[in-house]
Amino acid sequence: MIDFLIQNWAELLVAFMAFAKVVVNLVPSEKPIQVWAWADILINAIVNDARKEKKD
């Protein structure tokens, strides 16, 4: 079990984040959405965007 978690931590983290985003968007309150937006900005600051813009 531990080997599975160690080998697949990135995929599990992405799956958890997707699930959490769905749950947050289903909550009628505005506060969880603001907290998720803050966490999303933090994650984007840590992880670079792999896409490159094309220069003409």
PDB file of N, CA and C in Angstrom:
ATOM      1  N   MET A   1       0.826  -1.193   0.000  1.00  0.00           N
ATOM      2  CA  MET A   1       0.000   0.000   0.000  1.00  0.00           C
ATOM      3  C   MET A   1       0.869   1.256   0.000  1.00  0.00           C
ATOM      4  N   ILE A   2       1.881   1.265   0.855  1.00  0.00           N
ATOM      5  CA  ILE A   2       2.785   2.413   0.932  1.00  0.00           C
ATOM      6  C   ILE A   2       3.540   2.576  -0.387  1.00  0.00           C
ATOM      7  N   ASP A   3       3.946   1.475  -0.992  1.00  0.00           N
ATOM      8  CA  ASP A   3       4.647   1.550  -2.281  1.00  0.00           C
ATOM      9  C   ASP A   3       3.753   2.192  -3.343  1.00  0.00           C
ATOM     10  N   PHE A   4       2.482   1.824  -3.337  1.00  0.00           N
ATOM     11  CA  PHE A   4       1.537   2.409  -4.297  1.00  0.00           C
ATOM     12  C   PHE A   4       1.428   3.915  -4.100  1.00  0.00           C
ATOM     13  N   LEU A   5       1.326   4.358  -2.852  1.00  0.00           N
ATOM     14  CA  LEU A   5       1.211   5.786  -2.565  1.00  0.00           C
ATOM     15  C   LEU A   5       2.474   6.539  -2.972  1.00  0.00           C
ATOM     16  N   ILE A   6       3.617   5.960  -2.717  1.00  0.00           N
ATOM     17  CA  ILE A   6       4.879   6.603  -3.060  1.00  0.00           C
ATOM     18  C   ILE A   6       5.049   6.692  -4.572  1.00  0.00           C
ATOM     19  N   GLN A   7       4.690   5.653  -5.288  1.00  0.00           N
ATOM     20  CA  GLN A   7       4.867   5.630  -6.730  1.00  0.00           C
ATOM     21  C   GLN A   7       3.852   6.507  -7.458  1.00  0.00           C
ATOM     22  N   ASN A   8       2.684   6.714  -6.880  1.00  0.00           N
ATOM     23  CA  ASN A   8       1.620   7.436  -7.575  1.00  0.00           C
ATOM     24  C   ASN A   8       1.168   8.687  -6.838  1.00  0.00           C
ATOM     25  N   TRP A   9       2.038   9.326  -6.083  1.00  0.00           N
ATOM     26  CA  TRP A   9       1.638  10.469  -5.268  1.00  0.00           C
ATOM     27  C   TRP A   9       1.151  11.638  -6.120  1.00  0.00           C
ATOM     28  N   ALA A  10       1.765  11.879  -7.247  1.00  0.00           N
ATOM     29  CA  ALA A  10       1.370  13.021  -8.070  1.00  0.00           C
ATOM     30  C   ALA A  10      -0.027  12.817  -8.653  1.00  0.00           C
ATOM     31  N   GLU A  11      -0.301  11.636  -9.163  1.00  0.00           N
ATOM     32  CA  GLU A  11      -1.616  11.345  -9.729  1.00  0.00           C
ATOM     33  C   GLU A  11      -2.699  11.400  -8.657  1.00  0.00           C
ATOM     34  N   LEU A  12      -2.384  10.874  -7.471  1.00  0.00           N
ATOM     35  CA  LEU A  12      -3.347  10.914  -6.374  1.00  0.00           C
ATOM     36  C   LEU A  12      -3.616  12.342  -5.922  1.00  0.00           C
ATOM     37  N   LEU A  13      -2.594  13.181  -5.913  1.00  0.00           N
ATOM     38  CA  LEU A  13      -2.759  14.575  -5.533  1.00  0.00           C
ATOM     39  C   LEU A  13      -3.641  15.316  -6.530  1.00  0.00           C
ATOM     40  N   VAL A  14      -3.424  15.089  -7.813  1.00  0.00           N
ATOM     41  CA  VAL A  14      -4.243  15.730  -8.846  1.00  0.00           C
ATOM     42  C   VAL A  14      -5.692  15.247  -8.744  1.00  0.00           C
ATOM     43  N   ALA A  15      -5.894  13.963  -8.513  1.00  0.00           N
ATOM     44  CA  ALA A  15      -7.250  13.435  -8.370  1.00  0.00           C
ATOM     45  C   ALA A  15      -7.944  14.028  -7.154  1.00  0.00           C
ATOM     46  N   PHE A  16      -7.226  14.155  -6.051  1.00  0.00           N
ATOM     47  CA  PHE A  16      -7.803  14.755  -4.854  1.00  0.00           C
ATOM     48  C   PHE A  16      -8.160  16.214  -5.085  1.00  0.00           C
ATOM     49  N   MET A  17      -7.287  16.944  -5.774  1.00  0.00           N
ATOM     50  CA  MET A  17      -7.558  18.352  -6.053  1.00  0.00           C
ATOM     51  C   MET A  17      -8.770  18.514  -6.962  1.00  0.00           C
ATOM     52  N   ALA A  18      -8.913  17.649  -7.952  1.00  0.00           N
ATOM     53  CA  ALA A  18     -10.081  17.715  -8.832  1.00  0.00           C
ATOM     54  C   ALA A  18     -11.360  17.417  -8.056  1.00  0.00           C
ATOM     55  N   PHE A  19     -11.311  16.409  -7.202  1.00  0.00           N
ATOM     56  CA  PHE A  19     -12.467  16.074  -6.373  1.00  0.00           C
ATOM     57  C   PHE A  19     -12.821  17.220  -5.437  1.00  0.00           C
ATOM     58  N   ALA A  20     -11.812  17.815  -4.817  1.00  0.00           N
ATOM     59  CA  ALA A  20     -12.055  18.931  -3.901  1.00  0.00           C
ATOM     60  C   ALA A  20     -12.654  20.126  -4.638  1.00  0.00           C
ATOM     61  N   LYS A  21     -12.212  20.372  -5.850  1.00  0.00           N
ATOM     62  CA  LYS A  21     -12.746  21.498  -6.619  1.00  0.00           C
ATOM     63  C   LYS A  21     -14.221  21.276  -6.948  1.00  0.00           C
ATOM     64  N   VAL A  22     -14.588  20.057  -7.275  1.00  0.00           N
ATOM     65  CA  VAL A  22     -15.994  19.741  -7.547  1.00  0.00           C
ATOM     66  C   VAL A  22     -16.828  19.956  -6.294  1.00  0.00           C
ATOM     67  N   VAL A  23     -16.352  19.474  -5.161  1.00  0.00           N
ATOM     68  CA  VAL A  23     -17.095  19.626  -3.907  1.00  0.00           C
ATOM     69  C   VAL A  23     -17.234  21.102  -3.548  1.00  0.00           C
ATOM     70  N   VAL A  24     -16.165  21.864  -3.693  1.00  0.00           N
ATOM     71  CA  VAL A  24     -16.208  23.293  -3.364  1.00  0.00           C
ATOM     72  C   VAL A  24     -17.203  24.020  -4.262  1.00  0.00           C
ATOM     73  N   ASN A  25     -17.246  23.672  -5.527  1.00  0.00           N
ATOM     74  CA  ASN A  25     -18.173  24.342  -6.444  1.00  0.00           C
ATOM     75  C   ASN A  25     -19.627  23.952  -6.188  1.00  0.00           C
ATOM     76  N   LEU A  26     -19.872  22.837  -5.530  1.00  0.00           N
ATOM     77  CA  LEU A  26     -21.237  22.427  -5.215  1.00  0.00           C
ATOM     78  C   LEU A  26     -21.767  23.078  -3.937  1.00  0.00           C
ATOM     79  N   VAL A  27     -20.882  23.606  -3.109  1.00  0.00           N
ATOM     80  CA  VAL A  27     -21.292  24.246  -1.864  1.00  0.00           C
ATOM     81  C   VAL A  27     -21.884  25.617  -2.191  1.00  0.00           C
ATOM     82  N   PRO A  28     -23.064  25.935  -1.639  1.00  0.00           N
ATOM     83  CA  PRO A  28     -23.699  27.208  -2.001  1.00  0.00           C
ATOM     84  C   PRO A  28     -23.029  28.442  -1.392  1.00  0.00           C
ATOM     85  N   SER A  29     -22.175  28.274  -0.420  1.00  0.00           N
ATOM     86  CA  SER A  29     -21.519  29.407   0.232  1.00  0.00           C
ATOM     87  C   SER A  29     -20.365  29.929  -0.635  1.00  0.00           C
ATOM     88  N   GLU A  30     -20.031  31.184  -0.471  1.00  0.00           N
ATOM     89  CA  GLU A  30     -18.957  31.808  -1.244  1.00  0.00           C
ATOM     90  C   GLU A  30     -17.585  31.616  -0.591  1.00  0.00           C
ATOM     91  N   LYS A  31     -17.538  31.388   0.714  1.00  0.00           N
ATOM     92  CA  LYS A  31     -16.273  31.284   1.446  1.00  0.00           C
ATOM     93  C   LYS A  31     -15.393  30.118   0.961  1.00  0.00           C
ATOM     94  N   PRO A  32     -15.915  28.904   0.769  1.00  0.00           N
ATOM     95  CA  PRO A  32     -15.042  27.825   0.288  1.00  0.00           C
ATOM     96  C   PRO A  32     -14.467  28.110  -1.098  1.00  0.00           C
ATOM     97  N   ILE A  33     -15.219  28.796  -1.925  1.00  0.00           N
ATOM     98  CA  ILE A  33     -14.720  29.127  -3.259  1.00  0.00           C
ATOM     99  C   ILE A  33     -13.540  30.085  -3.153  1.00  0.00           C
ATOM    100  N   GLN A  34     -13.612  31.040  -2.212  1.00  0.00           N
ATOM    101  CA  GLN A  34     -12.511  31.979  -2.017  1.00  0.00           C
ATOM    102  C   GLN A  34     -11.273  31.257  -1.485  1.00  0.00           C
ATOM    103  N   VAL A  35     -11.474  30.310  -0.587  1.00  0.00           N
ATOM    104  CA  VAL A  35     -10.348  29.544  -0.048  1.00  0.00           C
ATOM    105  C   VAL A  35      -9.718  28.702  -1.146  1.00  0.00           C
ATOM    106  N   TRP A  36     -10.543  28.071  -1.971  1.00  0.00           N
ATOM    107  CA  TRP A  36     -10.012  27.255  -3.065  1.00  0.00           C
ATOM    108  C   TRP A  36      -9.265  28.129  -4.067  1.00  0.00           C
ATOM    109  N   ALA A  37      -9.766  29.324  -4.348  1.00  0.00           N
ATOM    110  CA  ALA A  37      -9.089  30.229  -5.274  1.00  0.00           C
ATOM    111  C   ALA A  37      -7.702  30.585  -4.738  1.00  0.00           C
ATOM    112  N   TRP A  38      -7.596  30.816  -3.432  1.00  0.00           N
ATOM    113  CA  TRP A  38      -6.307  31.109  -2.821  1.00  0.00           C
ATOM    114  C   TRP A  38      -5.364  29.909  -2.961  1.00  0.00           C
ATOM    115  N   ALA A  39      -5.862  28.723  -2.686  1.00  0.00           N
ATOM    116  CA  ALA A  39      -5.039  27.512  -2.804  1.00  0.00           C
ATOM    117  C   ALA A  39      -4.625  27.279  -4.253  1.00  0.00           C
ATOM    118  N   ASP A  40      -5.504  27.554  -5.188  1.00  0.00           N
ATOM    119  CA  ASP A  40      -5.210  27.384  -6.613  1.00  0.00           C
ATOM    120  C   ASP A  40      -4.098  28.340  -7.043  1.00  0.00           C
ATOM    121  N   ILE A  41      -4.138  29.582  -6.570  1.00  0.00           N
ATOM    122  CA  ILE A  41      -3.095  30.561  -6.884  1.00  0.00           C
ATOM    123  C   ILE A  41      -1.763  30.109  -6.291  1.00  0.00           C
ATOM    124  N   LEU A  42      -1.790  29.591  -5.074  1.00  0.00           N
ATOM    125  CA  LEU A  42      -0.573  29.110  -4.425  1.00  0.00           C
ATOM    126  C   LEU A  42       0.035  27.948  -5.202  1.00  0.00           C
ATOM    127  N   ILE A  43      -0.787  27.022  -5.630  1.00  0.00           N
ATOM    128  CA  ILE A  43      -0.293  25.873  -6.394  1.00  0.00           C
ATOM    129  C   ILE A  43       0.275  26.329  -7.730  1.00  0.00           C
ATOM    130  N   ASN A  44      -0.385  27.273  -8.396  1.00  0.00           N
ATOM    131  CA  ASN A  44       0.118  27.777  -9.674  1.00  0.00           C
ATOM    132  C   ASN A  44       1.437  28.524  -9.506  1.00  0.00           C
ATOM    133  N   ALA A  45       1.653  29.138  -8.361  1.00  0.00           N
ATOM    134  CA  ALA A  45       2.913  29.827  -8.109  1.00  0.00           C
ATOM    135  C   ALA A  45       4.058  28.833  -7.912  1.00  0.00           C
ATOM    136  N   ILE A  46       3.747  27.687  -7.338  1.00  0.00           N
ATOM    137  CA  ILE A  46       4.779  26.680  -7.072  1.00  0.00           C
ATOM    138  C   ILE A  46       5.083  25.854  -8.315  1.00  0.00           C
ATOM    139  N   VAL A  47       4.052  25.467  -9.051  1.00  0.00           N
ATOM    140  CA  VAL A  47       4.200  24.591 -10.204  1.00  0.00           C
ATOM    141  C   VAL A  47       4.132  25.430 -11.476  1.00  0.00           C
ATOM    142  N   ASN A  48       5.175  25.340 -12.289  1.00  0.00           N
ATOM    143  CA  ASN A  48       5.184  26.069 -13.545  1.00  0.00           C
ATOM    144  C   ASN A  48       4.163  25.520 -14.522  1.00  0.00           C
ATOM    145  N   ASP A  49       3.671  26.386 -15.375  1.00  0.00           N
ATOM    146  CA  ASP A  49       2.784  25.967 -16.446  1.00  0.00           C
ATOM    147  C   ASP A  49       3.651  25.380 -17.554  1.00  0.00           C
ATOM    148  N   ALA A  50       3.382  24.161 -17.946  1.00  0.00           N
ATOM    149  CA  ALA A  50       4.213  23.470 -18.928  1.00  0.00           C
ATOM    150  C   ALA A  50       3.960  23.961 -20.348  1.00  0.00           C
ATOM    151  N   ARG A  51       2.854  24.650 -20.554  1.00  0.00           N
ATOM    152  CA  ARG A  51       2.559  25.126 -21.895  1.00  0.00           C
ATOM    153  C   ARG A  51       3.412  26.347 -22.230  1.00  0.00           C
ATOM    154  N   LYS A  52       3.872  26.400 -23.443  1.00  0.00           N
ATOM    155  CA  LYS A  52       4.660  27.540 -23.907  1.00  0.00           C
ATOM    156  C   LYS A  52       3.848  28.287 -24.952  1.00  0.00           C
ATOM    157  N   GLU A  53       3.878  29.607 -24.881  1.00  0.00           N
ATOM    158  CA  GLU A  53       3.179  30.402 -25.883  1.00  0.00           C
ATOM    159  C   GLU A  53       4.019  30.449 -27.150  1.00  0.00           C
ATOM    160  N   LYS A  54       3.334  30.330 -28.281  1.00  0.00           N
ATOM    161  CA  LYS A  54       4.033  30.392 -29.560  1.00  0.00           C
ATOM    162  C   LYS A  54       4.315  31.849 -29.906  1.00  0.00           C
ATOM    163  N   LYS A  55       5.535  32.086 -30.336  1.00  0.00           N
ATOM    164  CA  LYS A  55       5.919  33.420 -30.800  1.00  0.00           C
ATOM    165  C   LYS A  55       5.946  33.394 -32.317  1.00  0.00           C
ATOM    166  N   ASP A  56       5.230  34.316 -32.894  1.00  0.00           N
ATOM    167  CA  ASP A  56       5.189  34.347 -34.367  1.00  0.00           C
ATOM    168  C   ASP A  56       6.384  35.030 -34.960  1.00  0.00           C
TER     169      ASP A  56
END
